[in-house]
N, C-alpha and C. Protein backbone atom coordinates (compact mmCIF):
# COMPACT_ATOMS: atom_id res chain seq x y z
N MET A 1 -40.53 -6.86 3.89
CA MET A 1 -39.20 -6.91 3.22
C MET A 1 -38.26 -7.71 4.20
N LYS A 2 -37.60 -8.38 3.41
CA LYS A 2 -36.62 -9.49 3.84
C LYS A 2 -35.44 -8.83 4.71
N ALA A 3 -34.83 -9.66 5.78
CA ALA A 3 -33.94 -8.79 6.38
C ALA A 3 -32.76 -8.59 5.60
N PRO A 4 -32.07 -9.21 4.50
CA PRO A 4 -30.71 -8.57 3.77
C PRO A 4 -31.38 -7.28 2.99
N TYR A 5 -32.54 -7.30 2.36
CA TYR A 5 -32.62 -5.86 1.76
C TYR A 5 -33.12 -4.61 2.77
N LYS A 6 -33.82 -5.45 3.96
CA LYS A 6 -33.56 -4.09 5.00
C LYS A 6 -32.39 -3.23 5.60
N ALA A 7 -31.64 -4.60 5.43
CA ALA A 7 -30.11 -4.12 6.03
C ALA A 7 -29.14 -3.50 4.52
N ILE A 8 -29.67 -3.67 3.53
CA ILE A 8 -29.19 -2.94 2.47
C ILE A 8 -29.88 -1.53 2.19
N GLU A 9 -31.05 -1.42 2.73
CA GLU A 9 -31.68 -0.16 2.25
C GLU A 9 -31.25 0.79 3.57
N PHE A 10 -31.02 -0.18 4.60
CA PHE A 10 -30.43 1.05 5.69
C PHE A 10 -29.04 1.44 5.39
N ILE A 11 -28.07 0.72 5.10
CA ILE A 11 -27.10 1.28 4.41
C ILE A 11 -27.34 2.18 3.55
N LEU A 12 -27.75 2.34 2.28
CA LEU A 12 -28.05 3.14 1.63
C LEU A 12 -28.66 4.57 2.23
N GLU A 13 -29.33 4.47 3.06
CA GLU A 13 -29.96 5.21 3.81
C GLU A 13 -28.76 6.55 4.66
N GLN A 14 -28.08 5.61 5.31
CA GLN A 14 -26.69 5.93 6.30
C GLN A 14 -25.67 6.21 5.78
N ALA A 15 -25.58 6.01 4.61
CA ALA A 15 -24.06 6.01 3.87
C ALA A 15 -23.91 7.64 3.81
N PRO A 16 -24.70 8.44 3.04
CA PRO A 16 -24.49 10.32 3.15
C PRO A 16 -24.17 10.55 4.37
N LYS A 17 -24.87 9.93 5.48
CA LYS A 17 -24.77 10.64 6.74
C LYS A 17 -23.40 10.48 7.35
N PHE A 18 -22.98 9.31 7.07
CA PHE A 18 -21.65 8.72 7.58
C PHE A 18 -20.61 9.57 6.62
N ALA A 19 -20.88 9.77 5.74
CA ALA A 19 -19.79 10.65 4.83
C ALA A 19 -19.93 12.05 5.21
N ALA A 20 -20.44 12.45 5.78
CA ALA A 20 -20.88 13.65 5.95
C ALA A 20 -20.31 14.03 7.70
N ALA A 21 -20.57 12.95 8.20
CA ALA A 21 -19.79 12.64 9.87
C ALA A 21 -18.74 12.92 9.33
N LYS A 22 -18.03 12.07 8.76
CA LYS A 22 -16.38 11.43 8.26
C LYS A 22 -15.86 13.22 7.83
N ALA A 23 -16.44 13.63 7.06
CA ALA A 23 -15.84 14.58 6.52
C ALA A 23 -15.74 16.15 7.47
N GLN A 24 -16.85 16.02 8.16
CA GLN A 24 -16.96 16.65 9.21
C GLN A 24 -16.00 16.73 10.29
N ARG A 25 -15.63 15.33 11.02
CA ARG A 25 -14.15 15.29 11.63
C ARG A 25 -13.22 15.47 11.14
N ILE A 26 -12.79 15.07 9.68
CA ILE A 26 -11.43 15.24 9.07
C ILE A 26 -11.70 16.95 9.01
N TYR A 27 -12.40 17.66 8.81
CA TYR A 27 -12.33 18.94 8.53
C TYR A 27 -11.77 19.53 9.70
N LEU A 28 -12.30 19.15 10.86
CA LEU A 28 -12.30 19.65 12.53
C LEU A 28 -11.16 19.35 12.51
N GLU A 29 -10.40 18.36 12.51
CA GLU A 29 -8.94 17.83 12.78
C GLU A 29 -7.85 18.54 11.73
N GLU A 30 -8.04 18.97 11.00
CA GLU A 30 -7.20 20.04 10.07
C GLU A 30 -7.45 21.18 10.47
N PHE A 31 -8.74 21.73 10.79
CA PHE A 31 -8.82 23.17 11.21
C PHE A 31 -8.37 23.35 12.52
N ARG A 32 -8.05 22.46 13.07
CA ARG A 32 -7.66 22.34 14.53
C ARG A 32 -5.99 23.08 14.61
N LYS A 33 -5.25 22.55 13.47
CA LYS A 33 -4.02 22.89 13.18
C LYS A 33 -4.01 24.65 12.65
N THR A 34 -4.98 24.80 12.02
CA THR A 34 -5.19 26.15 11.41
C THR A 34 -5.64 27.31 12.85
N LYS A 35 -6.23 26.73 13.56
CA LYS A 35 -6.78 27.46 14.82
C LYS A 35 -5.81 27.67 15.94
N LYS A 36 -4.89 26.60 15.96
CA LYS A 36 -3.72 26.95 16.64
C LYS A 36 -2.81 28.01 16.28
N ALA A 37 -2.54 27.59 15.33
CA ALA A 37 -1.72 28.96 14.37
C ALA A 37 -2.02 30.41 14.64
N LEU A 38 -3.34 30.34 14.47
CA LEU A 38 -4.05 31.74 14.38
C LEU A 38 -4.07 32.17 16.03
N LEU A 39 -4.27 31.18 17.08
CA LEU A 39 -4.28 31.52 18.16
C LEU A 39 -2.73 32.12 18.86
N MET A 40 -1.82 31.12 18.23
CA MET A 40 -0.32 31.32 18.55
C MET A 40 0.18 32.85 18.15
N LYS A 41 -0.29 33.21 16.81
CA LYS A 41 -0.06 34.33 16.16
C LYS A 41 -0.76 35.23 16.82
N GLU A 42 -1.99 35.43 17.35
CA GLU A 42 -2.61 36.34 18.44
C GLU A 42 -1.76 36.55 19.90
N ALA A 43 -1.47 35.41 20.24
CA ALA A 43 -0.52 35.58 21.59
C ALA A 43 0.25 36.52 21.23
N MET A 44 1.47 36.10 19.93
CA MET A 44 2.51 36.83 19.69
C MET A 44 2.12 38.44 19.58
N THR A 45 1.43 38.71 18.99
CA THR A 45 0.83 40.18 18.86
C THR A 45 0.36 40.88 20.05
N LYS A 46 0.07 39.84 21.35
CA LYS A 46 0.24 40.46 22.94
C LYS A 46 1.36 40.78 23.69
N GLY A 47 2.73 40.14 22.63
CA GLY A 47 4.14 40.37 23.32
C GLY A 47 4.55 39.01 23.71
N ILE A 48 3.84 38.12 23.45
CA ILE A 48 4.52 36.59 24.04
C ILE A 48 5.26 36.19 22.70
N ASP A 49 6.77 36.07 23.30
CA ASP A 49 7.56 35.69 21.82
C ASP A 49 7.99 34.25 21.64
N SER A 50 7.96 33.46 22.99
CA SER A 50 8.58 32.34 23.17
C SER A 50 7.25 31.23 22.32
N ALA A 51 7.50 30.28 21.12
CA ALA A 51 6.81 29.52 20.75
C ALA A 51 5.99 28.60 21.58
N VAL A 52 6.77 28.12 22.63
CA VAL A 52 6.23 27.16 23.47
C VAL A 52 5.11 28.20 24.53
N ALA A 53 5.45 29.12 24.89
CA ALA A 53 4.44 29.81 25.51
C ALA A 53 3.18 30.54 24.74
N GLN A 54 3.52 30.59 23.29
CA GLN A 54 2.21 30.61 22.39
C GLN A 54 1.20 29.75 22.33
N GLU A 55 2.25 28.45 22.15
CA GLU A 55 1.46 27.29 21.97
C GLU A 55 0.52 26.96 23.27
N ARG A 56 1.30 27.51 24.52
CA ARG A 56 0.32 26.98 25.51
C ARG A 56 -0.91 27.87 25.80
N GLU A 57 -0.89 29.44 25.41
CA GLU A 57 -1.86 30.05 25.10
C GLU A 57 -2.90 29.38 24.26
N ALA A 58 -2.44 29.23 22.92
CA ALA A 58 -3.47 28.55 22.05
C ALA A 58 -4.38 27.57 22.86
N TYR A 59 -3.71 26.76 23.14
CA TYR A 59 -4.17 25.02 23.65
C TYR A 59 -5.32 25.93 24.92
N ALA A 60 -4.54 26.45 25.67
CA ALA A 60 -5.58 26.97 26.99
C ALA A 60 -6.65 28.04 26.28
N HIS A 61 -6.73 28.38 25.15
CA HIS A 61 -7.75 29.81 24.62
C HIS A 61 -9.19 28.81 24.42
N PRO A 62 -10.50 29.60 24.77
CA PRO A 62 -11.79 28.86 25.22
C PRO A 62 -12.00 28.72 23.60
N GLU A 63 -11.65 29.20 22.61
CA GLU A 63 -11.88 28.96 21.05
C GLU A 63 -11.23 27.79 21.09
N TYR A 64 -10.25 27.20 21.49
CA TYR A 64 -9.72 25.94 21.01
C TYR A 64 -10.15 24.86 21.90
N GLN A 65 -10.38 24.98 23.01
CA GLN A 65 -11.41 23.99 23.63
C GLN A 65 -12.76 23.59 23.09
N GLU A 66 -13.56 25.24 22.79
CA GLU A 66 -14.41 24.63 21.99
C GLU A 66 -14.65 23.97 20.56
N LEU A 67 -13.58 24.09 19.97
CA LEU A 67 -13.06 23.31 19.05
C LEU A 67 -13.16 21.96 19.11
N LEU A 68 -12.23 21.75 20.08
CA LEU A 68 -12.17 20.13 20.65
C LEU A 68 -13.09 19.31 21.22
N HIS A 69 -14.14 20.41 21.78
CA HIS A 69 -15.18 19.75 22.31
C HIS A 69 -16.12 19.17 20.55
N GLY A 70 -16.34 20.41 19.60
CA GLY A 70 -16.74 19.97 18.66
C GLY A 70 -16.23 18.64 17.72
N LEU A 71 -14.82 18.41 17.71
CA LEU A 71 -14.49 17.52 17.39
C LEU A 71 -14.87 16.19 18.03
N SER A 72 -15.01 16.24 19.51
CA SER A 72 -15.25 15.24 20.00
C SER A 72 -16.91 14.62 19.70
N MET A 73 -17.68 15.86 19.29
CA MET A 73 -19.15 15.40 18.86
C MET A 73 -18.88 14.72 17.42
N ALA A 74 -18.14 15.26 16.71
CA ALA A 74 -18.33 14.49 15.26
C ALA A 74 -17.53 13.11 15.37
N ILE A 75 -16.72 13.13 16.08
CA ILE A 75 -15.98 11.80 16.33
C ILE A 75 -16.91 10.59 16.72
N GLU A 76 -18.07 11.15 17.55
CA GLU A 76 -19.13 10.47 18.16
C GLU A 76 -20.22 10.21 17.31
N GLN A 77 -20.44 11.17 16.65
CA GLN A 77 -21.39 10.82 15.80
C GLN A 77 -20.83 9.88 14.46
N GLU A 78 -19.82 10.21 14.04
CA GLU A 78 -19.53 9.43 12.82
C GLU A 78 -18.88 8.10 13.71
N GLU A 79 -18.61 7.97 14.73
CA GLU A 79 -18.52 6.08 14.97
C GLU A 79 -20.00 5.37 15.29
N GLY A 80 -20.62 6.77 15.86
CA GLY A 80 -22.00 5.66 16.08
C GLY A 80 -22.43 5.15 14.65
N LEU A 81 -22.36 6.03 13.60
CA LEU A 81 -23.18 5.61 12.39
C LEU A 81 -22.11 4.60 11.73
N LEU A 82 -20.75 4.71 11.75
CA LEU A 82 -20.30 3.53 11.14
C LEU A 82 -20.31 2.00 11.95
N TRP A 83 -20.92 2.33 13.42
CA TRP A 83 -20.82 0.73 13.88
C TRP A 83 -22.55 0.20 13.42
N LYS A 84 -23.21 1.48 13.55
CA LYS A 84 -24.59 0.97 12.84
C LYS A 84 -24.48 0.44 11.30
N LEU A 85 -23.80 0.93 10.60
CA LEU A 85 -23.65 0.37 9.34
C LEU A 85 -22.78 -0.98 9.00
N ARG A 86 -21.95 -1.14 10.07
CA ARG A 86 -21.24 -2.48 10.24
C ARG A 86 -22.21 -3.22 10.69
N ALA A 87 -23.01 -2.98 11.66
CA ALA A 87 -24.03 -4.21 12.26
C ALA A 87 -25.18 -4.47 10.75
N ALA A 88 -25.79 -3.42 10.29
CA ALA A 88 -26.37 -3.62 9.00
C ALA A 88 -25.41 -4.81 8.20
N GLN A 89 -24.22 -4.64 7.82
CA GLN A 89 -23.56 -5.50 7.07
C GLN A 89 -23.62 -6.85 7.31
N MET A 90 -23.16 -7.09 8.85
CA MET A 90 -23.38 -8.14 9.57
C MET A 90 -24.64 -8.57 9.52
N LYS A 91 -25.60 -8.56 9.62
CA LYS A 91 -26.94 -8.89 9.43
C LYS A 91 -27.17 -9.32 8.08
N SER A 92 -26.70 -8.70 7.15
CA SER A 92 -26.79 -9.32 5.80
C SER A 92 -25.67 -10.42 5.66
N ASP A 93 -24.87 -10.56 6.26
CA ASP A 93 -23.62 -11.42 6.21
C ASP A 93 -24.35 -12.95 7.14
N ILE A 94 -25.00 -12.65 8.02
CA ILE A 94 -25.59 -13.57 8.79
C ILE A 94 -26.59 -14.15 8.14
N TRP A 95 -27.59 -13.65 7.36
CA TRP A 95 -28.59 -13.87 6.90
C TRP A 95 -28.09 -14.98 5.18
N ARG A 96 -27.16 -14.55 4.58
CA ARG A 96 -26.59 -15.21 3.54
C ARG A 96 -25.84 -16.43 4.04
N SER A 97 -25.39 -16.43 4.97
CA SER A 97 -24.74 -17.74 6.13
C SER A 97 -25.73 -18.66 6.06
N GLU A 98 -27.01 -18.36 6.77
CA GLU A 98 -28.31 -19.11 7.19
C GLU A 98 -28.85 -19.57 5.82
N GLN A 99 -28.64 -18.71 4.71
CA GLN A 99 -29.27 -19.28 3.61
C GLN A 99 -28.46 -20.29 3.09
N ALA A 100 -27.06 -19.85 2.84
CA ALA A 100 -26.37 -21.21 2.34
C ALA A 100 -26.30 -22.45 3.41
N SER A 101 -27.05 -22.48 4.60
CA SER A 101 -26.76 -23.50 5.50
C SER A 101 -28.31 -24.44 4.98
N GLU A 102 -28.95 -23.68 4.95
CA GLU A 102 -30.69 -24.05 4.61
C GLU A 102 -30.60 -24.84 3.24
N ARG A 103 -29.81 -24.38 2.16
CA ARG A 103 -29.56 -24.85 0.98
C ARG A 103 -28.64 -26.17 0.86
N LEU A 104 -28.03 -26.40 1.97
CA LEU A 104 -27.05 -27.78 2.36
C LEU A 104 -28.00 -28.47 3.19
N GLY A 105 -29.01 -27.85 3.99
CA GLY A 105 -29.87 -28.78 4.62
C GLY A 105 -29.10 -28.97 5.95
N VAL A 106 -28.32 -28.15 6.47
CA VAL A 106 -28.09 -28.00 7.93
C VAL A 106 -28.85 -27.42 8.71
N LYS A 107 -29.16 -27.53 9.62
CA LYS A 107 -30.05 -27.20 10.47
C LYS A 107 -28.98 -26.49 11.72
N THR A 108 -29.80 -24.99 11.77
CA THR A 108 -28.79 -24.47 12.82
C THR A 108 -29.89 -24.18 14.03
N THR A 109 -29.09 -24.11 15.11
CA THR A 109 -29.24 -23.46 16.41
C THR A 109 -29.59 -22.34 16.95
N GLU A 110 -30.51 -21.95 17.86
CA GLU A 110 -30.68 -20.55 17.81
C GLU A 110 -30.66 -20.49 19.47
């Protein structure tokens, strides 16, 4: 199979994985706000009345820290897939440029 077809095949195979990774990252970014609010509410039920103190308690809570770790992993996965997809696109673009050069009779150096 020629290079551009391999690249296109790779993109088609990886696109759903990238979409899922991006969806997970966005979900966790949005859920982070909900988690913070829930933890602030929990702090309020424990007698912490100041919003600043509630926020501090929420940020320090192990569940919030676990959420941040999950968000970090989701971003890492999304970015890794994104750059693999971009590299596949670049391979296809390079192949296209090489083919155009060959049609014009231009020799390329390696």
